[in-house]
Amino acid sequence: MKIAITGPDGAGKSTLCKMLCKHLDDARLVYSGKAHFHLPSTRLVKWLWDVALKVHPLLGFAIQHSLYYPVEYLENWWRVVLRYRSGITVYDRHVFDRLVMKHSARLRYRHGKIGRSSYWLQYSLNSFWSCVYRYCFPLVDHVFILLPDAELCFDRALGQYKDLADAGIRVQSYQLAYQEVADDPRYHLLPISASDSLNDCLKSLLNQLEEK
């Protein structure tokens, strides 16, 4: 069985993944973010993208969509399909994040954070990758999307967001992306408020697993 937990920065994904692995016997934890690529080719292109961003944002954007995203797609395929075929695997993050990006671009444009030309470029390219991952990528058995309050994300993320509005955009982007896949029983939404503990979240997650 393969289980993925995703959500905005500050949602508590990593902690919840560790708690879930302790609860499930013999479960392995796999971090699926950019900081822990397995394949040398992906690490090389990620380094090239970082260098290009320092040279010029447009160059970085070109490398991101022409080289980095295609190689990342292959890395994700390898991690999900080829690498772990047996047992229980818990993924910290999931390719669902790519479905979020187009909504983030639209909301940032509405809030005046990016211009019209930048919006259309980002939205069109991110929509393409959203379709690639939604229709051309194998799903894991369960994807849990943590959806905390924006204030909670902002407080927990330790500088990942510029301001509270930026955190709100990120949270709303995940909510909009979930609405696209809500009819798929493999996706589960886990709302979190400041009064909820991760133990409560784990219980809700386990209850949904038992129901399915």
N, C-alpha and C. Protein backbone atom coordinates (compact mmCIF):
# COMPACT_ATOMS: atom_id res chain seq x y z
N MET A 1 0.84 -1.20 0.00
CA MET A 1 0.00 0.00 0.00
C MET A 1 0.87 1.24 0.00
N LYS A 2 0.45 2.23 -0.76
CA LYS A 2 1.20 3.49 -0.86
C LYS A 2 0.30 4.63 -0.40
N ILE A 3 0.81 5.41 0.56
CA ILE A 3 0.07 6.53 1.14
C ILE A 3 0.91 7.78 1.02
N ALA A 4 0.32 8.86 0.53
CA ALA A 4 1.02 10.14 0.42
C ALA A 4 0.32 11.19 1.27
N ILE A 5 1.12 12.05 1.90
CA ILE A 5 0.58 13.15 2.69
C ILE A 5 1.18 14.44 2.13
N THR A 6 0.34 15.36 1.74
CA THR A 6 0.80 16.61 1.16
C THR A 6 0.03 17.77 1.76
N GLY A 7 0.41 18.98 1.36
CA GLY A 7 -0.21 20.18 1.90
C GLY A 7 0.77 21.33 1.89
N PRO A 8 0.34 22.54 2.22
CA PRO A 8 1.22 23.70 2.22
C PRO A 8 2.28 23.61 3.32
N ASP A 9 3.36 24.37 3.15
CA ASP A 9 4.41 24.43 4.17
C ASP A 9 3.80 24.87 5.50
N GLY A 10 4.18 24.18 6.57
CA GLY A 10 3.66 24.51 7.88
C GLY A 10 2.43 23.70 8.27
N ALA A 11 1.99 22.81 7.40
CA ALA A 11 0.79 22.02 7.69
C ALA A 11 1.05 20.89 8.68
N GLY A 12 2.30 20.48 8.80
CA GLY A 12 2.64 19.38 9.70
C GLY A 12 2.81 18.05 9.00
N LYS A 13 3.13 18.08 7.70
CA LYS A 13 3.24 16.86 6.90
C LYS A 13 4.29 15.89 7.45
N SER A 14 5.49 16.40 7.64
CA SER A 14 6.60 15.53 8.03
C SER A 14 6.34 14.86 9.38
N THR A 15 5.84 15.64 10.34
CA THR A 15 5.55 15.08 11.66
C THR A 15 4.46 14.03 11.57
N LEU A 16 3.42 14.31 10.80
CA LEU A 16 2.32 13.35 10.66
C LEU A 16 2.79 12.08 9.95
N CYS A 17 3.66 12.21 8.96
CA CYS A 17 4.20 11.04 8.26
C CYS A 17 4.96 10.14 9.23
N LYS A 18 5.77 10.73 10.10
CA LYS A 18 6.53 9.95 11.08
C LYS A 18 5.59 9.25 12.06
N MET A 19 4.55 9.96 12.49
CA MET A 19 3.58 9.37 13.41
C MET A 19 2.85 8.20 12.75
N LEU A 20 2.52 8.36 11.46
CA LEU A 20 1.81 7.30 10.74
C LEU A 20 2.70 6.07 10.57
N CYS A 21 3.97 6.29 10.27
CA CYS A 21 4.89 5.17 10.10
C CYS A 21 5.06 4.38 11.40
N LYS A 22 5.04 5.09 12.53
CA LYS A 22 5.14 4.39 13.82
C LYS A 22 3.89 3.56 14.10
N HIS A 23 2.77 4.04 13.59
CA HIS A 23 1.50 3.33 13.83
C HIS A 23 1.37 2.11 12.91
N LEU A 24 1.87 2.21 11.69
CA LEU A 24 1.77 1.11 10.73
C LEU A 24 3.02 0.24 10.81
N ASP A 25 2.84 -1.04 10.95
CA ASP A 25 3.98 -1.96 11.07
C ASP A 25 4.77 -2.02 9.77
N ASP A 26 6.11 -1.91 9.92
CA ASP A 26 7.04 -2.09 8.79
C ASP A 26 6.80 -1.10 7.65
N ALA A 27 6.31 0.09 7.96
CA ALA A 27 6.12 1.11 6.92
C ALA A 27 7.41 1.88 6.70
N ARG A 28 7.72 2.16 5.45
CA ARG A 28 8.91 2.95 5.13
C ARG A 28 8.47 4.38 4.82
N LEU A 29 9.30 5.35 5.17
CA LEU A 29 9.01 6.76 4.92
C LEU A 29 9.92 7.27 3.81
N VAL A 30 9.32 7.88 2.80
CA VAL A 30 10.06 8.42 1.67
C VAL A 30 9.74 9.90 1.53
N TYR A 31 10.77 10.74 1.62
CA TYR A 31 10.56 12.17 1.40
C TYR A 31 10.57 12.44 -0.10
N SER A 32 9.52 13.07 -0.60
CA SER A 32 9.37 13.27 -2.05
C SER A 32 9.54 14.73 -2.47
N GLY A 33 10.22 15.52 -1.67
CA GLY A 33 10.45 16.92 -2.02
C GLY A 33 11.74 17.10 -2.81
N LYS A 34 12.03 18.35 -3.15
CA LYS A 34 13.21 18.66 -3.97
C LYS A 34 14.53 18.43 -3.24
N ALA A 35 14.52 18.41 -1.91
CA ALA A 35 15.77 18.31 -1.15
C ALA A 35 16.32 16.90 -1.09
N HIS A 36 15.56 15.90 -1.54
CA HIS A 36 16.00 14.51 -1.40
C HIS A 36 15.79 13.73 -2.70
N PHE A 37 16.35 14.25 -3.79
CA PHE A 37 16.29 13.51 -5.04
C PHE A 37 17.23 12.30 -4.97
N HIS A 38 16.83 11.20 -5.59
CA HIS A 38 17.62 9.99 -5.61
C HIS A 38 18.52 9.90 -6.84
N LEU A 39 18.01 10.31 -8.00
CA LEU A 39 18.74 10.13 -9.24
C LEU A 39 19.73 11.27 -9.48
N PRO A 40 20.97 10.95 -9.88
CA PRO A 40 21.98 11.99 -10.13
C PRO A 40 21.54 13.00 -11.19
N SER A 41 20.81 12.54 -12.21
CA SER A 41 20.37 13.45 -13.27
C SER A 41 19.45 14.54 -12.72
N THR A 42 18.58 14.17 -11.79
CA THR A 42 17.67 15.15 -11.21
C THR A 42 18.42 16.15 -10.34
N ARG A 43 19.38 15.67 -9.57
CA ARG A 43 20.18 16.58 -8.74
C ARG A 43 20.98 17.55 -9.60
N LEU A 44 21.48 17.06 -10.74
CA LEU A 44 22.26 17.93 -11.63
C LEU A 44 21.38 19.03 -12.22
N VAL A 45 20.19 18.66 -12.70
CA VAL A 45 19.30 19.66 -13.30
C VAL A 45 18.79 20.63 -12.24
N LYS A 46 18.56 20.14 -11.02
CA LYS A 46 18.16 21.04 -9.93
C LYS A 46 19.25 22.06 -9.64
N TRP A 47 20.51 21.62 -9.65
CA TRP A 47 21.63 22.55 -9.46
C TRP A 47 21.68 23.57 -10.59
N LEU A 48 21.47 23.12 -11.83
CA LEU A 48 21.48 24.02 -12.98
C LEU A 48 20.37 25.05 -12.87
N TRP A 49 19.21 24.65 -12.41
CA TRP A 49 18.08 25.56 -12.21
C TRP A 49 18.42 26.61 -11.17
N ASP A 50 19.03 26.22 -10.06
CA ASP A 50 19.42 27.15 -9.01
C ASP A 50 20.42 28.18 -9.54
N VAL A 51 21.36 27.72 -10.33
CA VAL A 51 22.36 28.64 -10.92
C VAL A 51 21.68 29.61 -11.88
N ALA A 52 20.77 29.11 -12.70
CA ALA A 52 20.07 29.96 -13.68
C ALA A 52 19.24 31.03 -12.98
N LEU A 53 18.63 30.70 -11.85
CA LEU A 53 17.84 31.68 -11.11
C LEU A 53 18.70 32.83 -10.62
N LYS A 54 19.94 32.54 -10.27
CA LYS A 54 20.84 33.59 -9.79
C LYS A 54 21.30 34.49 -10.93
N VAL A 55 21.34 33.94 -12.14
CA VAL A 55 21.74 34.74 -13.30
C VAL A 55 20.61 35.67 -13.71
N HIS A 56 19.41 35.12 -13.89
CA HIS A 56 18.24 35.92 -14.26
C HIS A 56 16.98 35.10 -14.03
N PRO A 57 15.92 35.72 -13.47
CA PRO A 57 14.68 34.97 -13.21
C PRO A 57 14.08 34.32 -14.45
N LEU A 58 14.14 34.99 -15.61
CA LEU A 58 13.57 34.42 -16.83
C LEU A 58 14.35 33.19 -17.28
N LEU A 59 15.67 33.22 -17.13
CA LEU A 59 16.48 32.06 -17.46
C LEU A 59 16.13 30.89 -16.53
N GLY A 60 15.96 31.21 -15.26
CA GLY A 60 15.56 30.19 -14.30
C GLY A 60 14.21 29.60 -14.65
N PHE A 61 13.28 30.46 -15.08
CA PHE A 61 11.95 29.99 -15.45
C PHE A 61 12.02 29.07 -16.66
N ALA A 62 12.88 29.41 -17.63
CA ALA A 62 13.04 28.59 -18.83
C ALA A 62 13.62 27.22 -18.48
N ILE A 63 14.64 27.20 -17.63
CA ILE A 63 15.25 25.93 -17.21
C ILE A 63 14.25 25.10 -16.40
N GLN A 64 13.46 25.78 -15.57
CA GLN A 64 12.48 25.09 -14.73
C GLN A 64 11.51 24.26 -15.55
N HIS A 65 10.96 24.85 -16.61
CA HIS A 65 9.92 24.16 -17.37
C HIS A 65 10.45 23.32 -18.53
N SER A 66 11.61 23.65 -19.05
CA SER A 66 12.14 22.89 -20.19
C SER A 66 13.00 21.71 -19.76
N LEU A 67 13.67 21.82 -18.60
CA LEU A 67 14.57 20.76 -18.15
C LEU A 67 14.18 20.17 -16.80
N TYR A 68 13.98 21.06 -15.82
CA TYR A 68 13.79 20.56 -14.46
C TYR A 68 12.49 19.75 -14.31
N TYR A 69 11.37 20.30 -14.75
CA TYR A 69 10.10 19.60 -14.59
C TYR A 69 10.06 18.26 -15.33
N PRO A 70 10.58 18.16 -16.58
CA PRO A 70 10.59 16.84 -17.23
C PRO A 70 11.43 15.81 -16.47
N VAL A 71 12.60 16.23 -15.99
CA VAL A 71 13.46 15.30 -15.26
C VAL A 71 12.83 14.96 -13.91
N GLU A 72 12.20 15.93 -13.26
CA GLU A 72 11.51 15.68 -12.00
C GLU A 72 10.37 14.68 -12.21
N TYR A 73 9.68 14.77 -13.33
CA TYR A 73 8.61 13.82 -13.63
C TYR A 73 9.14 12.39 -13.66
N LEU A 74 10.28 12.20 -14.30
CA LEU A 74 10.90 10.87 -14.35
C LEU A 74 11.33 10.41 -12.97
N GLU A 75 11.85 11.34 -12.18
CA GLU A 75 12.24 11.02 -10.79
C GLU A 75 11.01 10.57 -9.99
N ASN A 76 9.93 11.30 -10.12
CA ASN A 76 8.72 10.95 -9.38
C ASN A 76 8.17 9.60 -9.83
N TRP A 77 8.22 9.34 -11.12
CA TRP A 77 7.78 8.05 -11.63
C TRP A 77 8.64 6.93 -11.03
N TRP A 78 9.93 7.13 -10.99
CA TRP A 78 10.84 6.13 -10.43
C TRP A 78 10.56 5.89 -8.96
N ARG A 79 10.33 7.00 -8.21
CA ARG A 79 10.08 6.86 -6.78
C ARG A 79 8.78 6.13 -6.48
N VAL A 80 7.75 6.40 -7.28
CA VAL A 80 6.43 5.86 -6.99
C VAL A 80 6.21 4.49 -7.62
N VAL A 81 6.67 4.30 -8.85
CA VAL A 81 6.35 3.09 -9.59
C VAL A 81 7.44 2.01 -9.47
N LEU A 82 8.70 2.39 -9.61
CA LEU A 82 9.77 1.41 -9.73
C LEU A 82 10.50 1.11 -8.42
N ARG A 83 10.70 2.14 -7.60
CA ARG A 83 11.57 1.99 -6.44
C ARG A 83 10.96 1.11 -5.34
N TYR A 84 9.72 1.38 -4.99
CA TYR A 84 9.09 0.68 -3.85
C TYR A 84 7.84 -0.03 -4.33
N ARG A 85 7.98 -1.33 -4.57
CA ARG A 85 6.88 -2.10 -5.15
C ARG A 85 6.12 -2.93 -4.11
N SER A 86 6.73 -3.19 -2.97
CA SER A 86 6.08 -4.04 -1.98
C SER A 86 6.06 -3.35 -0.63
N GLY A 87 5.23 -3.85 0.28
CA GLY A 87 5.14 -3.29 1.61
C GLY A 87 4.35 -1.99 1.65
N ILE A 88 4.44 -1.31 2.77
CA ILE A 88 3.72 -0.04 2.98
C ILE A 88 4.72 1.11 2.86
N THR A 89 4.43 2.03 1.99
CA THR A 89 5.28 3.21 1.79
C THR A 89 4.47 4.47 2.08
N VAL A 90 5.03 5.33 2.92
CA VAL A 90 4.42 6.62 3.23
C VAL A 90 5.27 7.71 2.60
N TYR A 91 4.67 8.50 1.71
CA TYR A 91 5.39 9.56 1.00
C TYR A 91 5.11 10.91 1.67
N ASP A 92 6.18 11.57 2.06
CA ASP A 92 6.10 12.93 2.58
C ASP A 92 6.15 13.88 1.39
N ARG A 93 5.03 14.39 0.99
CA ARG A 93 4.75 15.17 -0.21
C ARG A 93 4.33 14.24 -1.35
N HIS A 94 3.72 14.85 -2.37
CA HIS A 94 3.16 14.08 -3.47
C HIS A 94 3.10 14.97 -4.70
N VAL A 95 2.96 14.37 -5.87
CA VAL A 95 2.91 15.13 -7.12
C VAL A 95 1.64 15.97 -7.22
N PHE A 96 0.72 15.81 -6.29
CA PHE A 96 -0.45 16.68 -6.20
C PHE A 96 -0.03 18.15 -6.15
N ASP A 97 1.17 18.41 -5.63
CA ASP A 97 1.67 19.78 -5.56
C ASP A 97 1.70 20.45 -6.92
N ARG A 98 1.89 19.66 -7.98
CA ARG A 98 1.93 20.24 -9.32
C ARG A 98 0.54 20.69 -9.78
N LEU A 99 -0.52 20.11 -9.22
CA LEU A 99 -1.88 20.56 -9.55
C LEU A 99 -2.19 21.89 -8.88
N VAL A 100 -1.42 22.21 -7.86
CA VAL A 100 -1.66 23.41 -7.06
C VAL A 100 -1.12 24.67 -7.74
N MET A 101 -0.06 24.51 -8.53
CA MET A 101 0.70 25.67 -9.01
C MET A 101 -0.12 26.62 -9.88
N LYS A 102 -1.00 26.09 -10.74
CA LYS A 102 -1.78 26.98 -11.61
C LYS A 102 -2.75 27.83 -10.78
N HIS A 103 -3.32 27.24 -9.74
CA HIS A 103 -4.22 27.99 -8.87
C HIS A 103 -3.45 29.07 -8.10
N SER A 104 -2.23 28.74 -7.71
CA SER A 104 -1.40 29.72 -7.02
C SER A 104 -1.11 30.92 -7.92
N ALA A 105 -0.81 30.65 -9.19
CA ALA A 105 -0.54 31.75 -10.14
C ALA A 105 -1.77 32.64 -10.31
N ARG A 106 -2.94 32.03 -10.41
CA ARG A 106 -4.17 32.82 -10.58
C ARG A 106 -4.45 33.69 -9.36
N LEU A 107 -4.29 33.12 -8.17
CA LEU A 107 -4.55 33.88 -6.95
C LEU A 107 -3.53 34.98 -6.74
N ARG A 108 -2.29 34.71 -7.07
CA ARG A 108 -1.25 35.75 -6.93
C ARG A 108 -1.53 36.91 -7.88
N TYR A 109 -2.03 36.60 -9.06
CA TYR A 109 -2.39 37.66 -10.01
C TYR A 109 -3.56 38.48 -9.47
N ARG A 110 -4.56 37.82 -8.92
CA ARG A 110 -5.72 38.53 -8.37
C ARG A 110 -5.33 39.43 -7.20
N HIS A 111 -4.31 39.02 -6.45
CA HIS A 111 -3.86 39.83 -5.31
C HIS A 111 -2.78 40.84 -5.71
N GLY A 112 -2.51 40.97 -7.00
CA GLY A 112 -1.56 41.97 -7.48
C GLY A 112 -0.10 41.64 -7.20
N LYS A 113 0.20 40.37 -7.00
CA LYS A 113 1.58 39.99 -6.69
C LYS A 113 2.40 39.71 -7.95
N ILE A 114 1.74 39.45 -9.08
CA ILE A 114 2.43 39.26 -10.36
C ILE A 114 1.65 40.00 -11.43
N GLY A 115 2.35 40.38 -12.53
CA GLY A 115 1.71 41.10 -13.62
C GLY A 115 0.96 40.18 -14.57
N ARG A 116 0.27 40.80 -15.53
CA ARG A 116 -0.57 40.04 -16.45
C ARG A 116 0.25 39.08 -17.31
N SER A 117 1.35 39.55 -17.91
CA SER A 117 2.14 38.68 -18.78
C SER A 117 2.76 37.52 -18.00
N SER A 118 3.24 37.82 -16.80
CA SER A 118 3.81 36.77 -15.96
C SER A 118 2.74 35.76 -15.58
N TYR A 119 1.54 36.25 -15.30
CA TYR A 119 0.44 35.36 -14.94
C TYR A 119 0.11 34.39 -16.07
N TRP A 120 -0.07 34.92 -17.27
CA TRP A 120 -0.45 34.05 -18.38
C TRP A 120 0.61 33.02 -18.69
N LEU A 121 1.87 33.41 -18.58
CA LEU A 121 2.96 32.47 -18.83
C LEU A 121 2.99 31.38 -17.77
N GLN A 122 2.91 31.78 -16.50
CA GLN A 122 2.94 30.80 -15.42
C GLN A 122 1.70 29.91 -15.44
N TYR A 123 0.55 30.51 -15.65
CA TYR A 123 -0.69 29.74 -15.60
C TYR A 123 -0.75 28.70 -16.72
N SER A 124 -0.35 29.09 -17.93
CA SER A 124 -0.43 28.16 -19.05
C SER A 124 0.54 27.00 -18.88
N LEU A 125 1.77 27.28 -18.48
CA LEU A 125 2.76 26.21 -18.32
C LEU A 125 2.43 25.31 -17.12
N ASN A 126 2.00 25.93 -16.03
CA ASN A 126 1.63 25.12 -14.86
C ASN A 126 0.37 24.30 -15.12
N SER A 127 -0.53 24.81 -15.95
CA SER A 127 -1.72 24.03 -16.33
C SER A 127 -1.31 22.80 -17.14
N PHE A 128 -0.29 22.98 -17.99
CA PHE A 128 0.20 21.84 -18.76
C PHE A 128 0.73 20.75 -17.83
N TRP A 129 1.57 21.13 -16.85
CA TRP A 129 2.12 20.14 -15.94
C TRP A 129 1.06 19.55 -15.02
N SER A 130 0.05 20.36 -14.72
CA SER A 130 -1.06 19.85 -13.94
C SER A 130 -1.77 18.71 -14.68
N CYS A 131 -2.00 18.90 -15.97
CA CYS A 131 -2.64 17.85 -16.78
C CYS A 131 -1.75 16.62 -16.91
N VAL A 132 -0.45 16.84 -17.07
CA VAL A 132 0.49 15.71 -17.19
C VAL A 132 0.42 14.84 -15.94
N TYR A 133 0.46 15.47 -14.77
CA TYR A 133 0.46 14.70 -13.53
C TYR A 133 -0.92 14.12 -13.21
N ARG A 134 -1.95 14.81 -13.61
CA ARG A 134 -3.29 14.29 -13.29
C ARG A 134 -3.69 13.12 -14.17
N TYR A 135 -3.32 13.17 -15.46
CA TYR A 135 -3.79 12.16 -16.39
C TYR A 135 -2.73 11.18 -16.86
N CYS A 136 -1.46 11.47 -16.61
CA CYS A 136 -0.38 10.62 -17.13
C CYS A 136 0.57 10.15 -16.04
N PHE A 137 0.08 10.11 -14.81
CA PHE A 137 0.93 9.66 -13.72
C PHE A 137 0.15 8.70 -12.84
N PRO A 138 0.74 7.56 -12.47
CA PRO A 138 0.01 6.58 -11.65
C PRO A 138 -0.23 7.09 -10.24
N LEU A 139 -1.45 6.91 -9.75
CA LEU A 139 -1.79 7.37 -8.41
C LEU A 139 -1.36 6.36 -7.36
N VAL A 140 -1.05 6.84 -6.19
CA VAL A 140 -0.86 5.95 -5.05
C VAL A 140 -2.24 5.59 -4.51
N ASP A 141 -2.27 4.69 -3.53
CA ASP A 141 -3.56 4.20 -3.04
C ASP A 141 -4.36 5.28 -2.32
N HIS A 142 -3.66 6.15 -1.57
CA HIS A 142 -4.35 7.20 -0.82
C HIS A 142 -3.48 8.46 -0.80
N VAL A 143 -4.10 9.59 -1.06
CA VAL A 143 -3.42 10.89 -0.97
C VAL A 143 -4.19 11.74 0.04
N PHE A 144 -3.55 12.09 1.15
CA PHE A 144 -4.17 12.92 2.18
C PHE A 144 -3.63 14.35 2.05
N ILE A 145 -4.55 15.30 1.91
CA ILE A 145 -4.19 16.70 1.72
C ILE A 145 -4.50 17.46 3.00
N LEU A 146 -3.46 17.90 3.68
CA LEU A 146 -3.65 18.67 4.91
C LEU A 146 -4.00 20.10 4.54
N LEU A 147 -5.06 20.62 5.16
CA LEU A 147 -5.50 21.98 4.86
C LEU A 147 -5.66 22.76 6.17
N PRO A 148 -4.58 23.38 6.64
CA PRO A 148 -4.65 24.15 7.88
C PRO A 148 -5.13 25.57 7.65
N ASP A 149 -5.39 26.28 8.74
CA ASP A 149 -5.67 27.71 8.64
C ASP A 149 -4.42 28.44 8.15
N ALA A 150 -4.61 29.54 7.45
CA ALA A 150 -3.47 30.30 6.94
C ALA A 150 -2.58 30.80 8.08
N GLU A 151 -3.21 31.21 9.18
CA GLU A 151 -2.44 31.70 10.33
C GLU A 151 -1.55 30.61 10.90
N LEU A 152 -2.07 29.40 10.93
CA LEU A 152 -1.30 28.26 11.44
C LEU A 152 -0.11 27.96 10.54
N CYS A 153 -0.31 27.99 9.24
CA CYS A 153 0.79 27.79 8.29
C CYS A 153 1.87 28.86 8.47
N PHE A 154 1.42 30.09 8.56
CA PHE A 154 2.36 31.22 8.67
C PHE A 154 3.20 31.10 9.93
N ASP A 155 2.58 30.70 11.03
CA ASP A 155 3.30 30.58 12.30
C ASP A 155 4.27 29.40 12.30
N ARG A 156 3.89 28.32 11.67
CA ARG A 156 4.71 27.10 11.70
C ARG A 156 5.81 27.08 10.65
N ALA A 157 5.62 27.78 9.55
CA ALA A 157 6.52 27.63 8.40
C ALA A 157 7.87 28.31 8.57
N LEU A 158 8.04 29.14 9.59
CA LEU A 158 9.34 29.74 9.91
C LEU A 158 9.97 30.47 8.74
N GLY A 159 9.24 31.46 8.22
CA GLY A 159 9.79 32.31 7.17
C GLY A 159 9.59 31.83 5.75
N GLN A 160 8.84 30.76 5.54
CA GLN A 160 8.59 30.25 4.19
C GLN A 160 7.65 31.17 3.40
N TYR A 161 6.86 31.96 4.11
CA TYR A 161 5.92 32.87 3.46
C TYR A 161 6.33 34.31 3.71
N LYS A 162 6.08 35.18 2.72
CA LYS A 162 6.43 36.59 2.85
C LYS A 162 5.54 37.29 3.87
N ASP A 163 4.27 36.91 3.88
CA ASP A 163 3.32 37.51 4.81
C ASP A 163 2.13 36.57 4.96
N LEU A 164 1.16 36.98 5.77
CA LEU A 164 -0.01 36.15 6.01
C LEU A 164 -0.83 35.97 4.74
N ALA A 165 -0.88 37.00 3.90
CA ALA A 165 -1.63 36.88 2.64
C ALA A 165 -1.01 35.82 1.73
N ASP A 166 0.31 35.74 1.73
CA ASP A 166 1.01 34.74 0.94
C ASP A 166 0.65 33.33 1.42
N ALA A 167 0.59 33.15 2.73
CA ALA A 167 0.19 31.86 3.30
C ALA A 167 -1.26 31.53 2.93
N GLY A 168 -2.12 32.55 2.96
CA GLY A 168 -3.52 32.35 2.59
C GLY A 168 -3.68 31.91 1.15
N ILE A 169 -2.88 32.49 0.26
CA ILE A 169 -2.92 32.10 -1.15
C ILE A 169 -2.53 30.64 -1.31
N ARG A 170 -1.52 30.23 -0.58
CA ARG A 170 -1.05 28.85 -0.68
C ARG A 170 -2.12 27.87 -0.19
N VAL A 171 -2.72 28.18 0.93
CA VAL A 171 -3.76 27.30 1.47
C VAL A 171 -4.95 27.22 0.51
N GLN A 172 -5.37 28.35 -0.01
CA GLN A 172 -6.51 28.36 -0.92
C GLN A 172 -6.19 27.62 -2.21
N SER A 173 -4.93 27.66 -2.64
CA SER A 173 -4.52 26.94 -3.85
C SER A 173 -4.71 25.44 -3.68
N TYR A 174 -4.36 24.93 -2.50
CA TYR A 174 -4.55 23.51 -2.23
C TYR A 174 -6.03 23.15 -2.19
N GLN A 175 -6.83 24.04 -1.64
CA GLN A 175 -8.27 23.79 -1.57
C GLN A 175 -8.87 23.73 -2.97
N LEU A 176 -8.47 24.64 -3.84
CA LEU A 176 -8.99 24.66 -5.20
C LEU A 176 -8.53 23.43 -5.99
N ALA A 177 -7.27 23.03 -5.77
CA ALA A 177 -6.76 21.84 -6.46
C ALA A 177 -7.51 20.58 -6.01
N TYR A 178 -7.84 20.54 -4.72
CA TYR A 178 -8.59 19.37 -4.23
C TYR A 178 -9.97 19.30 -4.87
N GLN A 179 -10.58 20.44 -5.10
CA GLN A 179 -11.91 20.46 -5.70
C GLN A 179 -11.90 19.82 -7.10
N GLU A 180 -10.76 19.86 -7.78
CA GLU A 180 -10.64 19.23 -9.09
C GLU A 180 -10.70 17.71 -9.01
N VAL A 181 -10.23 17.16 -7.90
CA VAL A 181 -10.10 15.70 -7.79
C VAL A 181 -11.02 15.12 -6.71
N ALA A 182 -11.92 15.93 -6.18
CA ALA A 182 -12.74 15.51 -5.05
C ALA A 182 -13.61 14.29 -5.36
N ASP A 183 -13.90 14.05 -6.65
CA ASP A 183 -14.72 12.89 -7.00
C ASP A 183 -13.91 11.60 -7.04
N ASP A 184 -12.60 11.69 -6.88
CA ASP A 184 -11.74 10.50 -6.86
C ASP A 184 -11.60 10.03 -5.41
N PRO A 185 -12.05 8.82 -5.09
CA PRO A 185 -12.03 8.35 -3.69
C PRO A 185 -10.63 8.16 -3.11
N ARG A 186 -9.61 8.24 -3.94
CA ARG A 186 -8.24 8.09 -3.42
C ARG A 186 -7.71 9.36 -2.79
N TYR A 187 -8.39 10.48 -3.01
CA TYR A 187 -7.98 11.75 -2.42
C TYR A 187 -8.82 12.04 -1.17
N HIS A 188 -8.17 12.49 -0.12
CA HIS A 188 -8.85 12.77 1.14
C HIS A 188 -8.40 14.14 1.66
N LEU A 189 -9.33 14.96 2.07
CA LEU A 189 -9.01 16.28 2.62
C LEU A 189 -9.03 16.21 4.15
N LEU A 190 -7.99 16.76 4.77
CA LEU A 190 -7.89 16.78 6.24
C LEU A 190 -7.78 18.23 6.71
N PRO A 191 -8.90 18.91 6.96
CA PRO A 191 -8.84 20.28 7.48
C PRO A 191 -8.23 20.29 8.88
N ILE A 192 -7.44 21.33 9.17
CA ILE A 192 -6.78 21.45 10.47
C ILE A 192 -6.97 22.87 10.98
N SER A 193 -7.39 23.00 12.22
CA SER A 193 -7.49 24.31 12.87
C SER A 193 -6.44 24.40 13.97
N ALA A 194 -6.29 25.59 14.52
CA ALA A 194 -5.28 25.79 15.56
C ALA A 194 -5.57 24.94 16.80
N SER A 195 -6.83 24.58 16.99
CA SER A 195 -7.21 23.80 18.17
C SER A 195 -7.01 22.30 17.96
N ASP A 196 -6.73 21.90 16.74
CA ASP A 196 -6.53 20.48 16.44
C ASP A 196 -5.08 20.08 16.68
N SER A 197 -4.88 18.94 17.29
CA SER A 197 -3.54 18.40 17.47
C SER A 197 -3.25 17.43 16.33
N LEU A 198 -1.97 17.11 16.13
CA LEU A 198 -1.62 16.14 15.10
C LEU A 198 -2.13 14.74 15.46
N ASN A 199 -2.32 14.49 16.74
CA ASN A 199 -2.91 13.21 17.14
C ASN A 199 -4.35 13.10 16.64
N ASP A 200 -5.08 14.23 16.72
CA ASP A 200 -6.45 14.26 16.18
C ASP A 200 -6.43 14.03 14.67
N CYS A 201 -5.45 14.65 14.02
CA CYS A 201 -5.32 14.50 12.57
C CYS A 201 -4.99 13.06 12.20
N LEU A 202 -4.12 12.43 12.98
CA LEU A 202 -3.76 11.03 12.72
C LEU A 202 -4.99 10.12 12.89
N LYS A 203 -5.78 10.38 13.91
CA LYS A 203 -6.99 9.57 14.12
C LYS A 203 -7.95 9.72 12.94
N SER A 204 -8.11 10.94 12.46
CA SER A 204 -8.99 11.17 11.31
C SER A 204 -8.46 10.46 10.08
N LEU A 205 -7.14 10.51 9.88
CA LEU A 205 -6.52 9.84 8.74
C LEU A 205 -6.75 8.33 8.82
N LEU A 206 -6.52 7.74 9.98
CA LEU A 206 -6.69 6.30 10.15
C LEU A 206 -8.14 5.88 9.97
N ASN A 207 -9.06 6.73 10.43
CA ASN A 207 -10.48 6.42 10.25
C ASN A 207 -10.85 6.39 8.78
N GLN A 208 -10.31 7.32 8.01
CA GLN A 208 -10.60 7.34 6.58
C GLN A 208 -9.98 6.15 5.86
N LEU A 209 -8.81 5.72 6.33
CA LEU A 209 -8.19 4.53 5.75
C LEU A 209 -9.05 3.29 6.00
N GLU A 210 -9.58 3.20 7.21
CA GLU A 210 -10.42 2.04 7.55
C GLU A 210 -11.71 2.03 6.75
N GLU A 211 -12.25 3.23 6.49
CA GLU A 211 -13.50 3.32 5.72
C GLU A 211 -13.30 2.88 4.27
N LYS A 212 -12.09 3.12 3.76
CA LYS A 212 -11.81 2.78 2.35
C LYS A 212 -11.35 1.33 2.23
